[in-house]
């Protein structure tokens, strides 16, 4: 059914959530998404999410559904991000995906109290020869700030990385063995195959 329009309400911006990564057993985190109550299904996924003026504000992407049907919460990529990706595809033929090469987890209040570490983003693993490895980040470090801004959740770090471009630098403040340090990490192109 072509040329159809779906009405919905924007419920929130800057939402993050995990979905199964196709072809693997891991999860993929989507960040900076627009949450809508419009039903997202194969008929409108990839289509425009428009406001009341007819302006495109997002690209319908995925639905979080417990039933597998279109009854759930819909998410769209914000138009600014979609335009950035489209421009990269037009100019270079590929979209760039910056990364620093870490596996991370949010340090909740319970974990912080149990382990005696600060709240923030716990670095579980650092990929060999990755930007984080070259900058000196280690497994067990807890990242508390990005570019001087306090972060409390893993999604916030992922968002900051994805907002950057390959070649940009992020200042990461972290705690290791009760000592705070700050390092500069240069964002690199995410390789097609990641190795620990």
C-alpha atoms as a PDB file:
ATOM      1  CA  UNK A   1       0.000   0.000   0.000  1.00  0.00           C
ATOM      2  CA  UNK A   2       1.974   2.963  -1.275  1.00  0.00           C
ATOM      3  CA  UNK A   3       1.451   6.660  -0.480  1.00  0.00           C
ATOM      4  CA  UNK A   4      -0.064   6.011   2.938  1.00  0.00           C
ATOM      5  CA  UNK A   5       0.223   8.292   5.952  1.00  0.00           C
ATOM      6  CA  UNK A   6       0.213   7.214   9.604  1.00  0.00           C
ATOM      7  CA  UNK A   7      -0.876   9.626  12.342  1.00  0.00           C
ATOM      8  CA  UNK A   8       0.779   9.536  15.732  1.00  0.00           C
ATOM      9  CA  UNK A   9       1.942  11.564  18.682  1.00  0.00           C
ATOM     10  CA  UNK A  10       5.589  12.178  19.597  1.00  0.00           C
ATOM     11  CA  UNK A  11       5.919  10.857  23.125  1.00  0.00           C
ATOM     12  CA  UNK A  12       9.606  11.579  23.740  1.00  0.00           C
ATOM     13  CA  UNK A  13      12.923  12.463  22.117  1.00  0.00           C
ATOM     14  CA  UNK A  14      16.444  11.127  22.740  1.00  0.00           C
ATOM     15  CA  UNK A  15      15.213   7.646  23.679  1.00  0.00           C
ATOM     16  CA  UNK A  16      17.609   4.669  23.817  1.00  0.00           C
ATOM     17  CA  UNK A  17      16.872   0.952  23.840  1.00  0.00           C
ATOM     18  CA  UNK A  18      18.390  -2.416  22.891  1.00  0.00           C
ATOM     19  CA  UNK A  19      17.278  -4.678  20.060  1.00  0.00           C
ATOM     20  CA  UNK A  20      18.646  -8.077  18.970  1.00  0.00           C
ATOM     21  CA  UNK A  21      21.547  -7.678  16.526  1.00  0.00           C
ATOM     22  CA  UNK A  22      20.648  -9.686  13.422  1.00  0.00           C
ATOM     23  CA  UNK A  23      23.038 -12.531  12.725  1.00  0.00           C
ATOM     24  CA  UNK A  24      24.463 -12.625  16.259  1.00  0.00           C
ATOM     25  CA  UNK A  25      23.423 -13.336  19.824  1.00  0.00           C
ATOM     26  CA  UNK A  26      24.298  -9.831  21.029  1.00  0.00           C
ATOM     27  CA  UNK A  27      22.196  -6.714  21.431  1.00  0.00           C
ATOM     28  CA  UNK A  28      22.433  -3.486  19.439  1.00  0.00           C
ATOM     29  CA  UNK A  29      21.746  -0.186  21.205  1.00  0.00           C
ATOM     30  CA  UNK A  30      19.750   2.444  19.339  1.00  0.00           C
ATOM     31  CA  UNK A  31      20.182   5.963  20.727  1.00  0.00           C
ATOM     32  CA  UNK A  32      18.770   9.449  20.117  1.00  0.00           C
ATOM     33  CA  UNK A  33      15.511   7.981  18.802  1.00  0.00           C
ATOM     34  CA  UNK A  34      12.147   9.732  18.512  1.00  0.00           C
ATOM     35  CA  UNK A  35       9.428   7.773  20.357  1.00  0.00           C
ATOM     36  CA  UNK A  36       5.963   7.789  18.796  1.00  0.00           C
ATOM     37  CA  UNK A  37       2.684   5.988  19.351  1.00  0.00           C
ATOM     38  CA  UNK A  38       2.323   5.509  15.582  1.00  0.00           C
ATOM     39  CA  UNK A  39       2.336   1.818  14.679  1.00  0.00           C
ATOM     40  CA  UNK A  40       5.624   0.948  12.938  1.00  0.00           C
ATOM     41  CA  UNK A  41       5.369  -2.127  10.721  1.00  0.00           C
ATOM     42  CA  UNK A  42       6.787  -3.366   7.392  1.00  0.00           C
ATOM     43  CA  UNK A  43       4.341  -1.044   5.613  1.00  0.00           C
ATOM     44  CA  UNK A  44       5.761   2.199   7.019  1.00  0.00           C
ATOM     45  CA  UNK A  45       9.194   1.257   8.378  1.00  0.00           C
ATOM     46  CA  UNK A  46      11.703   3.370   6.474  1.00  0.00           C
ATOM     47  CA  UNK A  47       8.997   5.894   5.654  1.00  0.00           C
ATOM     48  CA  UNK A  48       8.595   9.472   6.785  1.00  0.00           C
ATOM     49  CA  UNK A  49       7.448  10.554  10.230  1.00  0.00           C
ATOM     50  CA  UNK A  50       5.874  13.956   9.598  1.00  0.00           C
ATOM     51  CA  UNK A  51       4.593  16.712  11.857  1.00  0.00           C
ATOM     52  CA  UNK A  52       1.229  18.485  11.475  1.00  0.00           C
ATOM     53  CA  UNK A  53       2.798  20.909   8.949  1.00  0.00           C
ATOM     54  CA  UNK A  54       3.854  18.023   6.714  1.00  0.00           C
ATOM     55  CA  UNK A  55       7.545  18.479   7.544  1.00  0.00           C
ATOM     56  CA  UNK A  56       9.570  15.270   7.804  1.00  0.00           C
ATOM     57  CA  UNK A  57      10.940  15.027  11.341  1.00  0.00           C
ATOM     58  CA  UNK A  58      12.112  11.406  11.336  1.00  0.00           C
ATOM     59  CA  UNK A  59      12.411   8.110   9.506  1.00  0.00           C
ATOM     60  CA  UNK A  60      10.264   5.292  10.953  1.00  0.00           C
ATOM     61  CA  UNK A  61      12.603   2.515  12.015  1.00  0.00           C
ATOM     62  CA  UNK A  62      11.485  -0.057  14.565  1.00  0.00           C
ATOM     63  CA  UNK A  63       8.836  -1.016  17.079  1.00  0.00           C
ATOM     64  CA  UNK A  64       9.414  -2.384  20.560  1.00  0.00           C
ATOM     65  CA  UNK A  65       6.733  -5.022  20.908  1.00  0.00           C
ATOM     66  CA  UNK A  66       6.273  -7.926  23.303  1.00  0.00           C
ATOM     67  CA  UNK A  67       3.779  -9.617  20.969  1.00  0.00           C
ATOM     68  CA  UNK A  68       5.749  -9.260  17.727  1.00  0.00           C
ATOM     69  CA  UNK A  69       2.831  -7.377  16.189  1.00  0.00           C
ATOM     70  CA  UNK A  70       2.600  -3.632  15.544  1.00  0.00           C
ATOM     71  CA  UNK A  71       1.106  -3.145  19.018  1.00  0.00           C
ATOM     72  CA  UNK A  72       3.963  -1.492  20.875  1.00  0.00           C
ATOM     73  CA  UNK A  73       6.138   1.625  21.022  1.00  0.00           C
ATOM     74  CA  UNK A  74       7.386   2.986  17.697  1.00  0.00           C
ATOM     75  CA  UNK A  75      10.769   4.645  17.169  1.00  0.00           C
ATOM     76  CA  UNK A  76      12.107   6.830  14.378  1.00  0.00           C
ATOM     77  CA  UNK A  77      15.567   8.145  13.513  1.00  0.00           C
ATOM     78  CA  UNK A  78      15.577  11.958  13.932  1.00  0.00           C
ATOM     79  CA  UNK A  79      15.731  13.724  10.565  1.00  0.00           C
ATOM     80  CA  UNK A  80      19.020  15.483  11.423  1.00  0.00           C
ATOM     81  CA  UNK A  81      20.740  12.120  11.896  1.00  0.00           C
ATOM     82  CA  UNK A  82      19.074  10.647   8.789  1.00  0.00           C
ATOM     83  CA  UNK A  83      20.199  13.649   6.686  1.00  0.00           C
ATOM     84  CA  UNK A  84      23.758  13.331   8.003  1.00  0.00           C
ATOM     85  CA  UNK A  85      23.853   9.661   6.990  1.00  0.00           C
ATOM     86  CA  UNK A  86      22.267  10.428   3.599  1.00  0.00           C
ATOM     87  CA  UNK A  87      24.859  13.141   2.892  1.00  0.00           C
ATOM     88  CA  UNK A  88      27.697  10.744   3.779  1.00  0.00           C
ATOM     89  CA  UNK A  89      26.255   8.136   1.398  1.00  0.00           C
ATOM     90  CA  UNK A  90      25.938  10.711  -1.394  1.00  0.00           C
ATOM     91  CA  UNK A  91      29.458  12.143  -0.997  1.00  0.00           C
ATOM     92  CA  UNK A  92      31.493   9.039  -0.126  1.00  0.00           C
ATOM     93  CA  UNK A  93      29.261   6.053  -0.876  1.00  0.00           C
ATOM     94  CA  UNK A  94      29.284   4.854   2.740  1.00  0.00           C
ATOM     95  CA  UNK A  95      28.158   5.933   6.190  1.00  0.00           C
ATOM     96  CA  UNK A  96      30.784   6.419   8.865  1.00  0.00           C
ATOM     97  CA  UNK A  97      30.258   4.856  12.302  1.00  0.00           C
ATOM     98  CA  UNK A  98      32.621   6.193  14.974  1.00  0.00           C
ATOM     99  CA  UNK A  99      33.652   3.951  17.867  1.00  0.00           C
ATOM    100  CA  UNK A 100      36.192   3.776  20.687  1.00  0.00           C
ATOM    101  CA  UNK A 101      36.261  -0.005  21.176  1.00  0.00           C
ATOM    102  CA  UNK A 102      34.796  -0.774  24.586  1.00  0.00           C
ATOM    103  CA  UNK A 103      32.147  -3.043  26.086  1.00  0.00           C
ATOM    104  CA  UNK A 104      30.313  -1.092  28.785  1.00  0.00           C
ATOM    105  CA  UNK A 105      27.630  -1.313  31.449  1.00  0.00           C
ATOM    106  CA  UNK A 106      25.827   1.238  33.595  1.00  0.00           C
ATOM    107  CA  UNK A 107      27.003   1.364  37.211  1.00  0.00           C
ATOM    108  CA  UNK A 108      23.721   1.545  39.101  1.00  0.00           C
ATOM    109  CA  UNK A 109      23.487   2.757  42.685  1.00  0.00           C
ATOM    110  CA  UNK A 110      23.291  -0.872  43.888  1.00  0.00           C
ATOM    111  CA  UNK A 111      26.415  -1.884  41.935  1.00  0.00           C
ATOM    112  CA  UNK A 112      28.258   1.233  43.137  1.00  0.00           C
ATOM    113  CA  UNK A 113      27.482   0.416  46.780  1.00  0.00           C
ATOM    114  CA  UNK A 114      28.276  -3.276  46.403  1.00  0.00           C
ATOM    115  CA  UNK A 115      31.602  -2.775  44.583  1.00  0.00           C
ATOM    116  CA  UNK A 116      32.696   0.493  46.166  1.00  0.00           C
ATOM    117  CA  UNK A 117      32.955   2.274  42.808  1.00  0.00           C
ATOM    118  CA  UNK A 118      31.387   5.517  41.595  1.00  0.00           C
ATOM    119  CA  UNK A 119      28.218   5.643  39.521  1.00  0.00           C
ATOM    120  CA  UNK A 120      28.869   6.079  35.822  1.00  0.00           C
ATOM    121  CA  UNK A 121      29.827   3.829  32.919  1.00  0.00           C
ATOM    122  CA  UNK A 122      31.749   0.682  33.777  1.00  0.00           C
ATOM    123  CA  UNK A 123      34.279  -0.448  31.162  1.00  0.00           C
ATOM    124  CA  UNK A 124      33.977  -4.239  31.025  1.00  0.00           C
ATOM    125  CA  UNK A 125      36.361  -4.823  28.120  1.00  0.00           C
ATOM    126  CA  UNK A 126      38.680  -2.804  25.877  1.00  0.00           C
ATOM    127  CA  UNK A 127      39.308  -4.075  22.331  1.00  0.00           C
ATOM    128  CA  UNK A 128      42.974  -4.568  21.434  1.00  0.00           C
ATOM    129  CA  UNK A 129      44.428  -1.724  19.307  1.00  0.00           C
ATOM    130  CA  UNK A 130      41.163   0.237  19.566  1.00  0.00           C
ATOM    131  CA  UNK A 131      41.108   4.005  20.213  1.00  0.00           C
ATOM    132  CA  UNK A 132      40.311   3.341  23.894  1.00  0.00           C
ATOM    133  CA  UNK A 133      43.230   0.904  24.152  1.00  0.00           C
ATOM    134  CA  UNK A 134      45.630   3.386  22.520  1.00  0.00           C
ATOM    135  CA  UNK A 135      44.444   6.117  24.912  1.00  0.00           C
ATOM    136  CA  UNK A 136      45.092   3.916  27.955  1.00  0.00           C
ATOM    137  CA  UNK A 137      41.573   2.975  29.056  1.00  0.00           C
ATOM    138  CA  UNK A 138      41.374  -0.378  30.861  1.00  0.00           C
ATOM    139  CA  UNK A 139      38.724  -2.874  31.851  1.00  0.00           C
ATOM    140  CA  UNK A 140      37.398  -1.964  35.305  1.00  0.00           C
ATOM    141  CA  UNK A 141      37.638   1.802  34.758  1.00  0.00           C
ATOM    142  CA  UNK A 142      34.463   3.779  35.471  1.00  0.00           C
ATOM    143  CA  UNK A 143      33.839   6.685  33.085  1.00  0.00           C
ATOM    144  CA  UNK A 144      32.126   9.552  34.906  1.00  0.00           C
ATOM    145  CA  UNK A 145      32.356  12.444  32.401  1.00  0.00           C
ATOM    146  CA  UNK A 146      32.518  13.023  28.656  1.00  0.00           C
ATOM    147  CA  UNK A 147      33.946  16.385  27.561  1.00  0.00           C
ATOM    148  CA  UNK A 148      33.457  17.627  31.128  1.00  0.00           C
ATOM    149  CA  UNK A 149      29.776  16.635  31.219  1.00  0.00           C
ATOM    150  CA  UNK A 150      28.709  14.136  33.900  1.00  0.00           C
ATOM    151  CA  UNK A 151      27.287  10.860  32.597  1.00  0.00           C
ATOM    152  CA  UNK A 152      25.360   8.272  34.591  1.00  0.00           C
ATOM    153  CA  UNK A 153      24.377   5.640  32.020  1.00  0.00           C
ATOM    154  CA  UNK A 154      26.021   3.612  29.264  1.00  0.00           C
ATOM    155  CA  UNK A 155      23.496   4.962  26.726  1.00  0.00           C
ATOM    156  CA  UNK A 156      24.787   8.490  27.332  1.00  0.00           C
ATOM    157  CA  UNK A 157      28.335   7.480  26.375  1.00  0.00           C
ATOM    158  CA  UNK A 158      27.095   5.639  23.280  1.00  0.00           C
ATOM    159  CA  UNK A 159      25.108   8.728  22.263  1.00  0.00           C
ATOM    160  CA  UNK A 160      28.134  11.029  22.659  1.00  0.00           C
ATOM    161  CA  UNK A 161      30.282   8.698  20.560  1.00  0.00           C
ATOM    162  CA  UNK A 162      27.670   8.453  17.799  1.00  0.00           C
ATOM    163  CA  UNK A 163      27.162  12.215  17.729  1.00  0.00           C
ATOM    164  CA  UNK A 164      30.838  12.650  16.894  1.00  0.00           C
ATOM    165  CA  UNK A 165      32.645  12.092  13.623  1.00  0.00           C
ATOM    166  CA  UNK A 166      35.616   9.863  12.842  1.00  0.00           C
ATOM    167  CA  UNK A 167      38.693  11.886  13.809  1.00  0.00           C
ATOM    168  CA  UNK A 168      36.956  13.865  16.572  1.00  0.00           C
ATOM    169  CA  UNK A 169      38.354  13.617  20.091  1.00  0.00           C
ATOM    170  CA  UNK A 170      36.436  12.900  23.283  1.00  0.00           C
ATOM    171  CA  UNK A 171      37.772  13.850  26.693  1.00  0.00           C
ATOM    172  CA  UNK A 172      36.897  10.981  29.045  1.00  0.00           C
ATOM    173  CA  UNK A 173      37.154  11.380  32.804  1.00  0.00           C
ATOM    174  CA  UNK A 174      37.329   8.046  34.594  1.00  0.00           C
ATOM    175  CA  UNK A 175      38.067   6.532  37.991  1.00  0.00           C
ATOM    176  CA  UNK A 176      40.595   3.712  38.412  1.00  0.00           C
ATOM    177  CA  UNK A 177      41.391   2.403  41.898  1.00  0.00           C
ATOM    178  CA  UNK A 178      39.826   5.501  43.496  1.00  0.00           C
ATOM    179  CA  UNK A 179      41.970   7.863  41.393  1.00  0.00           C
ATOM    180  CA  UNK A 180      40.386  10.187  38.830  1.00  0.00           C
ATOM    181  CA  UNK A 181      42.092  10.758  35.465  1.00  0.00           C
ATOM    182  CA  UNK A 182      41.189  12.350  32.131  1.00  0.00           C
ATOM    183  CA  UNK A 183      42.315  11.095  28.721  1.00  0.00           C
ATOM    184  CA  UNK A 184      41.669  12.094  25.119  1.00  0.00           C
ATOM    185  CA  UNK A 185      40.269   9.374  22.846  1.00  0.00           C
ATOM    186  CA  UNK A 186      40.232   9.860  19.064  1.00  0.00           C
ATOM    187  CA  UNK A 187      37.143   8.397  17.405  1.00  0.00           C
ATOM    188  CA  UNK A 188      37.942   5.847  14.689  1.00  0.00           C
ATOM    189  CA  UNK A 189      35.899   4.135  11.993  1.00  0.00           C
ATOM    190  CA  UNK A 190      34.165   1.085  13.444  1.00  0.00           C
ATOM    191  CA  UNK A 191      35.633  -2.006  11.791  1.00  0.00           C
ATOM    192  CA  UNK A 192      33.264  -4.437  10.097  1.00  0.00           C
ATOM    193  CA  UNK A 193      34.543  -7.215  12.383  1.00  0.00           C
ATOM    194  CA  UNK A 194      35.359  -6.552  16.017  1.00  0.00           C
ATOM    195  CA  UNK A 195      37.961  -8.636  17.829  1.00  0.00           C
ATOM    196  CA  UNK A 196      38.545  -8.605  21.603  1.00  0.00           C
END
